[in-house]
N, C-alpha and C. Protein backbone atom coordinates (compact mmCIF):
# COMPACT_ATOMS: atom_id res chain seq x y z
N MET A 1 95.97 87.34 104.00
CA MET A 1 96.17 86.76 105.14
C MET A 1 95.20 85.41 105.15
N SER A 2 95.63 84.23 105.47
CA SER A 2 94.77 83.15 105.64
C SER A 2 94.85 82.46 106.88
N ALA A 3 93.60 81.84 107.36
CA ALA A 3 93.92 81.46 108.62
C ALA A 3 94.13 79.67 108.70
N SER A 4 94.81 79.10 109.64
CA SER A 4 95.02 77.67 109.57
C SER A 4 93.70 77.05 110.10
N ASP A 5 93.60 75.74 109.59
CA ASP A 5 92.54 74.83 110.33
C ASP A 5 92.26 75.10 111.79
N ASP A 6 93.47 75.16 112.48
CA ASP A 6 93.38 75.43 113.89
C ASP A 6 92.62 76.72 114.41
N GLU A 7 93.03 77.51 113.56
CA GLU A 7 92.41 78.97 113.91
C GLU A 7 90.95 79.06 113.74
N LEU A 8 90.49 78.15 112.90
CA LEU A 8 89.12 78.19 112.69
C LEU A 8 88.12 77.37 113.61
N VAL A 9 88.73 76.64 114.46
CA VAL A 9 88.06 75.98 115.45
C VAL A 9 87.60 76.84 116.52
N LEU A 10 86.24 76.69 116.82
CA LEU A 10 85.52 77.51 117.80
C LEU A 10 85.77 77.12 119.05
N LEU A 11 85.42 77.90 120.01
CA LEU A 11 85.46 77.61 121.60
C LEU A 11 84.94 76.04 121.70
N TYR A 12 83.81 75.76 121.11
CA TYR A 12 83.26 74.36 121.33
C TYR A 12 83.81 73.21 120.50
N GLY A 13 84.98 73.56 119.88
CA GLY A 13 85.63 72.55 118.78
C GLY A 13 84.87 72.16 117.64
N THR A 14 84.01 73.17 117.08
CA THR A 14 83.32 72.79 115.68
C THR A 14 84.00 73.81 114.93
N ARG A 15 84.04 73.27 113.65
CA ARG A 15 84.65 74.09 112.63
C ARG A 15 83.56 74.75 111.84
N TRP A 16 83.46 75.79 111.37
CA TRP A 16 82.50 76.62 110.67
C TRP A 16 82.85 76.93 109.14
N GLY A 17 84.17 76.57 108.91
CA GLY A 17 84.49 76.73 107.39
C GLY A 17 86.09 76.81 107.39
N ARG A 18 86.45 76.87 106.24
CA ARG A 18 87.95 76.88 105.84
C ARG A 18 88.01 78.18 104.81
N SER A 19 88.49 79.24 105.09
CA SER A 19 88.62 80.31 104.30
C SER A 19 89.95 80.06 103.40
N VAL A 20 89.90 80.29 101.93
CA VAL A 20 90.85 79.99 101.17
C VAL A 20 91.58 81.36 100.73
N ASP A 21 90.49 82.24 100.27
CA ASP A 21 91.07 83.62 99.70
C ASP A 21 90.09 84.47 99.95
N ALA A 22 90.58 85.78 100.03
CA ALA A 22 89.65 87.23 99.94
C ALA A 22 90.12 88.18 99.05
N ILE A 23 89.19 88.60 98.20
CA ILE A 23 89.52 89.55 97.35
C ILE A 23 88.26 90.67 97.32
N PRO A 24 88.88 91.83 97.17
CA PRO A 24 87.95 93.00 97.04
C PRO A 24 87.22 93.02 95.58
N GLY A 25 85.88 93.27 95.57
CA GLY A 25 85.25 93.21 94.44
C GLY A 25 84.88 94.72 93.89
N PRO A 26 84.61 94.90 92.64
CA PRO A 26 84.35 96.28 92.15
C PRO A 26 83.24 97.03 92.83
N ASP A 27 82.42 96.26 93.57
CA ASP A 27 81.23 96.87 94.12
C ASP A 27 81.56 97.28 95.58
N GLY A 28 82.81 97.15 96.03
CA GLY A 28 83.11 97.58 97.38
C GLY A 28 83.06 96.49 98.48
N ALA A 29 82.47 95.29 98.03
CA ALA A 29 82.28 94.21 99.06
C ALA A 29 83.62 93.19 98.86
N ILE A 30 83.82 92.37 99.96
CA ILE A 30 84.97 91.61 99.97
C ILE A 30 84.38 90.16 99.71
N TYR A 31 84.87 89.41 98.93
CA TYR A 31 84.55 88.11 98.46
C TYR A 31 85.54 87.01 99.22
N VAL A 32 84.95 86.20 99.96
CA VAL A 32 85.65 85.13 100.68
C VAL A 32 85.24 83.71 100.20
N THR A 33 86.32 83.04 99.78
CA THR A 33 85.99 81.46 99.36
C THR A 33 86.25 80.62 100.56
N ASP A 34 85.24 79.67 100.46
CA ASP A 34 85.18 78.71 101.72
C ASP A 34 85.65 77.47 101.04
N GLY A 35 86.68 76.79 101.18
CA GLY A 35 87.13 75.59 100.46
C GLY A 35 86.46 74.51 101.10
N ALA A 36 86.15 74.44 102.43
CA ALA A 36 85.17 73.23 102.86
C ALA A 36 83.96 73.16 102.61
N ALA A 37 83.17 74.36 102.48
CA ALA A 37 81.87 74.27 102.17
C ALA A 37 81.57 74.36 100.61
N GLY A 38 82.65 74.84 99.78
CA GLY A 38 82.66 75.24 98.36
C GLY A 38 81.74 76.28 98.15
N LEU A 39 81.72 77.33 99.09
CA LEU A 39 80.96 78.49 98.97
C LEU A 39 81.70 79.71 98.87
N VAL A 40 81.02 80.92 98.26
CA VAL A 40 81.71 82.11 98.15
C VAL A 40 80.74 83.29 99.29
N TYR A 41 81.32 83.78 100.03
CA TYR A 41 80.81 84.77 101.02
C TYR A 41 81.13 86.13 100.32
N ARG A 42 80.10 87.00 100.42
CA ARG A 42 80.08 88.38 100.24
C ARG A 42 79.90 89.27 101.53
N LEU A 43 80.98 90.03 101.70
CA LEU A 43 80.84 90.87 102.91
C LEU A 43 80.82 92.10 102.42
N THR A 44 79.95 93.07 102.90
CA THR A 44 79.62 94.34 102.50
C THR A 44 79.58 95.32 103.79
N PRO A 45 80.22 96.57 103.43
CA PRO A 45 80.25 97.53 104.70
C PRO A 45 78.77 97.79 105.31
N ALA A 46 78.77 98.19 106.44
CA ALA A 46 77.41 98.42 107.08
C ALA A 46 77.04 99.68 106.57
N GLY A 47 75.76 99.94 106.48
CA GLY A 47 75.13 101.10 105.94
C GLY A 47 74.69 101.08 104.71
């Protein structure tokens, strides 16, 4: 599932990123690429 640019506009009208893809890693984390910033975010379960 990917979000459109309009869905990423926050309440105040600012953009915080543009997700391109999300894939599960072998370590249980989810890796999300940000096409606008050229970054990869690593999301891990709590605990």
